[in-house]
Protein backbone atom coordinates (compact mmCIF):
# COMPACT_ATOMS: atom_id res chain seq x y z
CA MET A 1 -56.76 9.47 -127.65
CA THR A 2 -58.53 6.01 -127.65
CA VAL A 3 -58.90 4.37 -124.44
CA ILE A 4 -60.99 1.28 -125.54
CA GLN A 5 -61.04 -0.27 -128.77
CA THR A 6 -62.98 -3.71 -130.03
CA GLU A 7 -62.57 -5.57 -133.15
CA ALA A 8 -65.17 -8.22 -134.20
CA LEU A 9 -65.82 -8.62 -130.46
CA THR A 10 -67.97 -11.54 -129.92
CA LYS A 11 -69.31 -13.67 -126.90
CA ARG A 12 -71.58 -16.53 -127.17
CA TYR A 13 -73.23 -18.17 -124.11
CA GLY A 14 -74.20 -21.98 -123.49
CA SER A 15 -75.02 -24.89 -125.91
CA SER A 16 -77.46 -22.97 -127.97
CA GLN A 17 -74.60 -20.32 -128.57
CA VAL A 18 -76.58 -17.21 -127.79
CA ALA A 19 -74.53 -14.26 -128.69
CA ALA A 20 -74.54 -11.65 -126.09
CA LEU A 21 -71.98 -9.98 -128.27
CA ALA A 22 -71.60 -10.30 -131.93
CA ASP A 23 -68.74 -8.65 -134.15
CA LEU A 24 -68.65 -5.69 -131.80
CA SER A 25 -66.00 -2.88 -133.51
CA ILE A 26 -65.94 0.25 -131.27
CA GLU A 27 -63.67 2.94 -130.20
CA VAL A 28 -63.93 5.09 -126.76
CA GLY A 29 -62.00 8.08 -126.47
CA ASP A 30 -61.60 11.11 -124.01
CA GLY A 31 -64.51 12.77 -122.21
CA VAL A 32 -67.75 11.01 -121.17
CA THR A 33 -68.82 8.20 -123.45
CA GLY A 34 -72.61 6.87 -122.92
CA LEU A 35 -73.31 3.28 -123.42
CA VAL A 36 -77.00 2.51 -124.35
CA GLY A 37 -79.14 -0.54 -124.76
CA ALA A 38 -82.16 -2.27 -123.04
CA ASN A 39 -81.54 -5.27 -120.70
CA GLY A 40 -79.97 -8.11 -122.61
CA ALA A 41 -78.37 -5.71 -125.00
CA GLY A 42 -74.61 -6.84 -123.98
CA LYS A 43 -73.69 -3.84 -121.87
CA SER A 44 -72.67 -5.72 -118.80
CA THR A 45 -70.96 -8.19 -120.94
CA LEU A 46 -69.06 -5.80 -122.66
CA ILE A 47 -67.85 -4.15 -119.33
CA LYS A 48 -66.87 -7.79 -117.90
CA ILE A 49 -64.87 -8.61 -121.11
CA LEU A 50 -63.09 -5.38 -120.92
CA LEU A 51 -61.99 -5.71 -117.18
CA GLY A 52 -60.50 -9.16 -118.15
CA LEU A 53 -63.17 -10.82 -115.91
CA LEU A 54 -64.89 -12.70 -118.86
CA ALA A 55 -63.17 -14.03 -121.98
CA PRO A 56 -64.70 -13.57 -125.35
CA THR A 57 -65.48 -16.24 -127.69
CA SER A 58 -63.81 -14.54 -130.61
CA GLY A 59 -62.47 -11.20 -131.60
CA SER A 60 -60.09 -8.93 -129.56
CA ALA A 61 -60.14 -5.61 -127.55
CA SER A 62 -57.74 -3.54 -125.77
CA VAL A 63 -58.20 -1.29 -122.83
CA LEU A 64 -55.45 1.65 -122.23
CA GLY A 65 -53.32 -0.27 -124.81
CA HIS A 66 -53.47 -3.42 -122.66
CA ASP A 67 -55.04 -6.66 -124.35
CA ILE A 68 -57.80 -8.20 -122.47
CA ARG A 69 -56.85 -11.57 -122.78
CA ALA A 70 -53.30 -11.38 -121.74
CA ASP A 71 -53.43 -8.27 -119.36
CA GLY A 72 -56.57 -8.52 -117.21
CA GLU A 73 -54.79 -7.73 -113.66
CA ALA A 74 -53.01 -4.89 -115.39
CA ILE A 75 -56.51 -3.37 -116.66
CA ARG A 76 -58.18 -3.47 -113.21
CA GLN A 77 -55.14 -1.93 -111.99
CA VAL A 78 -55.50 1.30 -114.05
CA VAL A 79 -59.36 1.20 -114.32
CA GLY A 80 -61.82 2.24 -111.76
CA TYR A 81 -65.03 0.51 -111.99
CA MET A 82 -68.48 1.15 -110.41
CA PRO A 83 -70.51 -1.74 -110.43
CA GLU A 84 -74.79 -1.38 -110.80
CA HIS A 85 -75.86 -3.68 -107.75
CA ASP A 86 -74.77 -2.81 -103.97
CA CYS A 87 -71.53 -4.42 -102.87
CA LEU A 88 -71.00 -2.47 -99.97
CA PRO A 89 -70.18 -4.41 -96.54
CA PRO A 90 -72.79 -2.97 -94.09
CA ASP A 91 -70.82 -3.20 -91.15
CA MET A 92 -67.77 -1.40 -92.42
CA ARG A 93 -66.98 2.52 -92.38
CA CYS A 94 -66.64 3.76 -95.41
CA ILE A 95 -63.35 5.33 -95.09
CA ASP A 96 -62.02 1.87 -94.11
CA PHE A 97 -63.71 0.54 -97.35
CA VAL A 98 -62.17 3.13 -99.44
CA VAL A 99 -58.93 2.67 -97.91
CA HIS A 100 -59.01 -1.09 -98.34
CA MET A 101 -59.99 -0.73 -102.06
CA GLY A 102 -57.08 1.75 -102.58
CA ARG A 103 -54.99 -0.91 -100.92
CA MET A 104 -56.50 -3.72 -103.10
CA SER A 105 -55.20 -1.51 -106.26
CA GLY A 106 -51.74 -1.35 -105.07
CA LEU A 107 -51.50 1.74 -102.75
CA PRO A 108 -49.26 1.74 -99.92
CA PRO A 109 -51.10 2.31 -96.40
CA ALA A 110 -50.68 6.22 -96.12
CA PRO A 111 -51.23 7.04 -99.71
CA ALA A 112 -54.45 4.86 -99.83
CA ARG A 113 -55.67 6.94 -96.64
CA GLU A 114 -54.80 10.08 -98.05
CA ARG A 115 -56.58 9.24 -101.39
CA ALA A 116 -59.66 7.89 -99.84
CA ALA A 117 -60.08 11.13 -97.67
CA ASP A 118 -59.50 13.35 -100.75
CA VAL A 119 -61.98 11.31 -103.16
CA LEU A 120 -64.71 11.33 -100.36
CA ARG A 121 -64.42 14.89 -100.17
CA HIS A 122 -65.09 15.14 -104.02
CA VAL A 123 -68.00 12.81 -103.92
CA GLY A 124 -69.63 14.62 -100.85
CA LEU A 125 -69.17 12.12 -98.31
CA ALA A 126 -66.40 14.02 -96.01
CA GLU A 127 -68.67 14.46 -93.14
CA GLU A 128 -70.24 10.90 -93.29
CA ARG A 129 -67.14 8.97 -93.98
CA TYR A 130 -66.67 7.42 -90.47
CA ARG A 131 -70.34 6.08 -90.57
CA LEU A 132 -71.19 2.58 -90.96
CA MET A 133 -72.44 2.18 -94.62
CA GLY A 134 -75.28 -0.10 -93.39
CA GLY A 135 -77.02 3.19 -92.41
CA TYR A 136 -76.40 5.13 -95.44
CA SER A 137 -79.22 6.19 -97.90
CA THR A 138 -79.21 4.83 -101.48
CA GLY A 139 -77.39 8.14 -102.62
CA MET A 140 -74.68 7.88 -100.15
CA LYS A 141 -74.18 4.27 -101.31
CA GLN A 142 -73.72 5.47 -104.77
CA ARG A 143 -71.49 7.69 -103.85
CA ALA A 144 -69.41 5.18 -101.78
CA LYS A 145 -69.25 3.08 -104.75
CA LEU A 146 -68.02 5.97 -107.00
CA ALA A 147 -65.39 6.84 -104.50
CA GLN A 148 -63.90 3.64 -104.36
CA ALA A 149 -63.58 3.74 -108.01
CA LEU A 150 -61.76 6.80 -107.63
CA VAL A 151 -59.60 6.10 -104.92
CA HIS A 152 -56.51 4.54 -106.67
CA ASP A 153 -56.18 7.50 -109.43
CA PRO A 154 -57.46 5.34 -112.20
CA ALA A 155 -56.71 6.28 -115.94
CA LEU A 156 -60.29 5.22 -116.99
CA VAL A 157 -63.66 4.67 -115.32
CA MET A 158 -66.51 2.38 -116.14
CA LEU A 159 -69.71 3.25 -114.25
CA ASP A 160 -72.40 0.73 -114.66
CA GLU A 161 -76.03 2.39 -113.87
CA PRO A 162 -74.67 5.26 -111.41
CA THR A 163 -78.02 6.83 -110.95
CA ASN A 164 -79.67 3.75 -110.15
CA GLY A 165 -82.34 4.12 -107.49
CA LEU A 166 -81.52 7.62 -106.90
CA ASP A 167 -84.11 10.47 -106.46
CA PRO A 168 -84.16 13.38 -109.15
CA ALA A 169 -81.94 15.81 -106.61
CA ALA A 170 -79.69 13.09 -105.82
CA ARG A 171 -79.78 12.01 -109.40
CA ASP A 172 -78.80 15.64 -111.03
CA ASP A 173 -75.82 15.53 -108.38
CA MET A 174 -74.74 11.95 -109.57
CA LEU A 175 -74.76 13.36 -113.03
CA ALA A 176 -72.58 16.63 -112.32
CA LEU A 177 -69.98 14.17 -110.55
CA VAL A 178 -69.93 12.12 -113.57
CA GLN A 179 -69.32 15.24 -115.80
CA ARG A 180 -66.73 16.64 -113.62
CA ILE A 181 -64.84 13.37 -113.63
CA GLY A 182 -64.80 13.18 -117.53
CA HIS A 183 -64.20 16.96 -118.07
CA ASP A 184 -62.47 18.61 -115.03
CA PHE A 185 -60.64 15.70 -113.79
CA GLY A 186 -59.70 14.51 -117.24
CA ILE A 187 -60.54 10.77 -116.67
CA PRO A 188 -62.38 9.28 -119.51
CA VAL A 189 -65.50 7.87 -118.26
CA LEU A 190 -67.63 4.75 -119.78
CA VAL A 191 -71.20 5.09 -118.53
CA THR A 192 -74.33 3.07 -118.96
CA SER A 193 -77.98 4.16 -118.18
CA HIS A 194 -81.40 3.12 -119.29
CA LEU A 195 -82.61 6.86 -118.89
CA LEU A 196 -81.63 7.95 -122.29
CA GLY A 197 -82.01 11.62 -121.45
CA GLU A 198 -79.07 11.38 -118.78
CA LEU A 199 -76.79 10.30 -121.45
CA GLU A 200 -77.55 13.33 -123.81
CA ARG A 201 -77.07 15.70 -120.84
CA ILE A 202 -73.52 14.52 -119.86
CA SER A 203 -72.02 12.41 -122.75
CA ASP A 204 -69.59 13.74 -125.49
CA HIS A 205 -70.22 10.37 -127.48
CA VAL A 206 -73.01 7.70 -127.65
CA VAL A 207 -72.52 3.86 -128.29
CA VAL A 208 -75.91 2.35 -128.91
CA LEU A 209 -76.24 -1.43 -128.55
CA ASP A 210 -79.05 -4.02 -129.30
CA GLY A 211 -78.93 -7.68 -128.76
CA GLY A 212 -75.10 -7.65 -128.71
CA GLN A 213 -74.82 -5.69 -132.16
CA LEU A 214 -73.71 -2.18 -132.62
CA LEU A 215 -76.34 -0.06 -134.07
CA ARG A 216 -74.92 3.43 -133.99
CA SER A 217 -71.59 5.10 -132.44
CA GLU A 218 -71.46 8.78 -132.90
CA ALA A 219 -70.91 11.76 -130.95
CA THR A 220 -73.93 13.02 -128.99
CA GLN A 221 -74.43 16.23 -130.73
CA ALA A 222 -75.28 14.24 -134.14
CA PHE A 223 -77.94 12.45 -132.22
CA LEU A 224 -79.54 15.88 -131.06
CA ALA A 225 -78.90 17.68 -134.38
CA ASP A 226 -81.81 20.22 -135.82
CA THR A 227 -84.25 18.20 -137.47
CA GLY A 228 -85.74 20.99 -139.81
CA VAL A 229 -89.04 20.24 -138.00
CA VAL A 230 -90.54 23.64 -136.30
CA LEU A 231 -93.11 23.50 -133.37
CA VAL A 232 -95.60 26.05 -133.08
CA GLU A 233 -97.99 26.72 -130.36
CA VAL A 234 -100.80 29.63 -130.53
CA LEU A 235 -102.93 31.13 -127.84
CA GLY A 236 -106.85 31.78 -128.33
CA GLU A 237 -110.09 30.69 -128.51
CA ASP A 238 -110.58 26.74 -128.19
CA ASP A 239 -110.30 25.89 -131.72
CA ALA A 240 -107.28 28.06 -131.97
CA GLN A 241 -104.91 25.23 -132.77
CA THR A 242 -107.00 23.86 -135.44
CA ARG A 243 -107.48 27.15 -137.06
CA MET A 244 -104.06 27.64 -137.01
CA GLY A 245 -103.31 24.31 -138.59
CA GLU A 246 -105.78 24.62 -141.28
CA ALA A 247 -103.98 28.01 -142.05
CA LEU A 248 -100.79 26.82 -142.24
CA ALA A 249 -102.15 23.89 -144.47
CA ALA A 250 -103.79 26.60 -146.91
CA ARG A 251 -100.21 28.12 -147.34
CA GLY A 252 -98.79 25.02 -148.39
CA LEU A 253 -97.07 23.80 -145.31
CA VAL A 254 -97.43 20.14 -143.98
CA CYS A 255 -98.37 19.99 -140.42
CA ARG A 256 -100.13 17.81 -137.62
CA PRO A 257 -101.18 18.34 -134.15
CA ARG A 258 -98.74 17.35 -131.64
CA GLY A 259 -100.45 17.70 -127.83
CA THR A 260 -100.67 21.34 -127.33
CA MET A 261 -98.41 22.44 -130.31
CA ILE A 262 -98.32 22.12 -134.10
CA GLU A 263 -95.56 20.12 -135.85
CA ILE A 264 -94.66 21.61 -139.28
CA ASP A 265 -92.20 19.53 -141.57
CA PRO A 266 -89.49 21.34 -143.10
CA VAL A 267 -89.69 23.76 -145.76
CA GLU A 268 -87.42 23.16 -149.00
CA VAL A 269 -86.29 25.98 -151.28
CA GLU A 270 -86.37 24.78 -154.84
CA GLY A 271 -82.78 24.81 -156.39
CA ALA A 272 -81.27 25.76 -153.37
CA GLY A 273 -79.31 22.48 -152.51
CA ASP A 274 -78.16 21.58 -149.27
CA ASP A 275 -75.85 24.41 -148.05
CA ALA A 276 -76.16 26.05 -144.92
CA ALA A 277 -77.80 29.46 -146.67
CA ALA A 278 -80.50 27.33 -148.27
CA ALA A 279 -81.28 26.05 -144.69
CA ALA A 280 -81.42 29.49 -143.12
CA LEU A 281 -83.51 30.57 -145.99
CA ALA A 282 -86.15 28.08 -145.43
CA HIS A 283 -86.41 28.71 -141.73
CA ASP A 284 -86.76 32.41 -142.60
CA ARG A 285 -89.72 31.64 -145.01
CA LEU A 286 -91.22 29.20 -142.90
CA ARG A 287 -91.00 31.93 -139.79
CA ASP A 288 -92.83 34.39 -141.87
CA LEU A 289 -95.58 32.09 -142.99
CA VAL A 290 -96.40 31.38 -139.34
CA ARG A 291 -96.30 35.05 -138.26
CA ASP A 292 -98.56 35.91 -141.08
CA ALA A 293 -100.99 33.09 -140.38
CA ALA A 294 -101.16 33.93 -136.68
CA ALA A 295 -101.46 37.63 -137.23
CA ASP A 296 -104.27 37.15 -139.79
CA LEU A 297 -106.39 34.75 -137.42
CA GLY A 298 -105.78 37.02 -134.70
CA VAL A 299 -104.23 34.44 -132.15
CA GLY A 300 -101.02 34.65 -129.98
CA LEU A 301 -98.32 33.14 -131.22
CA VAL A 302 -96.78 31.61 -127.76
CA ARG A 303 -93.89 29.43 -129.45
CA LEU A 304 -92.29 28.87 -132.55
CA GLN A 305 -89.05 26.80 -132.19
CA PRO A 306 -86.89 24.13 -134.13
CA GLN A 307 -87.03 20.60 -132.83
CA THR A 308 -84.02 18.90 -131.98
CA GLY A 309 -83.33 15.34 -131.95
CA ARG A 310 -83.33 13.36 -128.75
CA LEU A 311 -81.28 10.33 -128.03
CA GLU A 312 -84.43 8.38 -127.13
CA ASP A 313 -86.08 9.16 -130.21
CA VAL A 314 -83.03 8.22 -132.22
CA PHE A 315 -82.75 4.91 -130.36
CA ARG A 316 -86.65 4.04 -130.81
CA GLU A 317 -85.96 4.55 -134.77
CA GLU A 318 -82.43 2.89 -134.94
CA VAL A 319 -83.88 -0.37 -132.88
CA PRO A 320 -85.95 -2.71 -135.08
CA ALA A 321 -89.48 -3.61 -133.69
């Protein structure tokens, strides 16, 4: 199901008419969608427009079937938003703040308190809910911001840099929560992050922006597909890697050193085409050549693995220098 749709969405600022977004047309569906882009790529502008807080210069967009130009208030009633920057009143208890945000979204007093207690338990703040938020750690503040985005049982959640400032353990916990929201709770999530490795761990779909323009919008697995390149690591004397690389080149393989490993380009099977059987045959042939080369040299074959793509590699290739 499509929860966000934009058509030629454009936003220009100032007398110079600098485009923060330019003719952006995307669709966001169920699950977790990652929004990728460097500072100035247009991520925050897009979220503000989708929430009805900023009017586009041209183009159109809808969120959960609501038009952004006419139905901004209706959108904000059904969407949960977690901002990047700290927005928590330090002299307020977390439970009171989350209840207040629930009331602001239209919940009556009793349901707002019930929902607040429930959602604080889900995000891991059940024991600390009566503490003043000014004494919270960064991780607890991020969880409190997530709780207020969920308290009114939204139909869509937008999370702006939810792992910002977190240590590795807290980052993993937050990512697990985001994935749980999108998959276990069944609430579609649009999440931004500068740490691209995070998005490939939790997202089902990735939208890549640069300079306000769409570079790529595709299922995450398409970014992470097998590249056909194989990585080999050998163990032996000091020059084992060099000797192994020379032996592989002598067998007709195109290879190069890559740190402690050897990177081998895909092997083509002549006349076999692009079918899966041909790819399997090429992999088998390459493995046999590597195994035989290692045996002939008397070196230990530590690793022989296919190289899959990484989101950050694809992003680097797609974004022009």
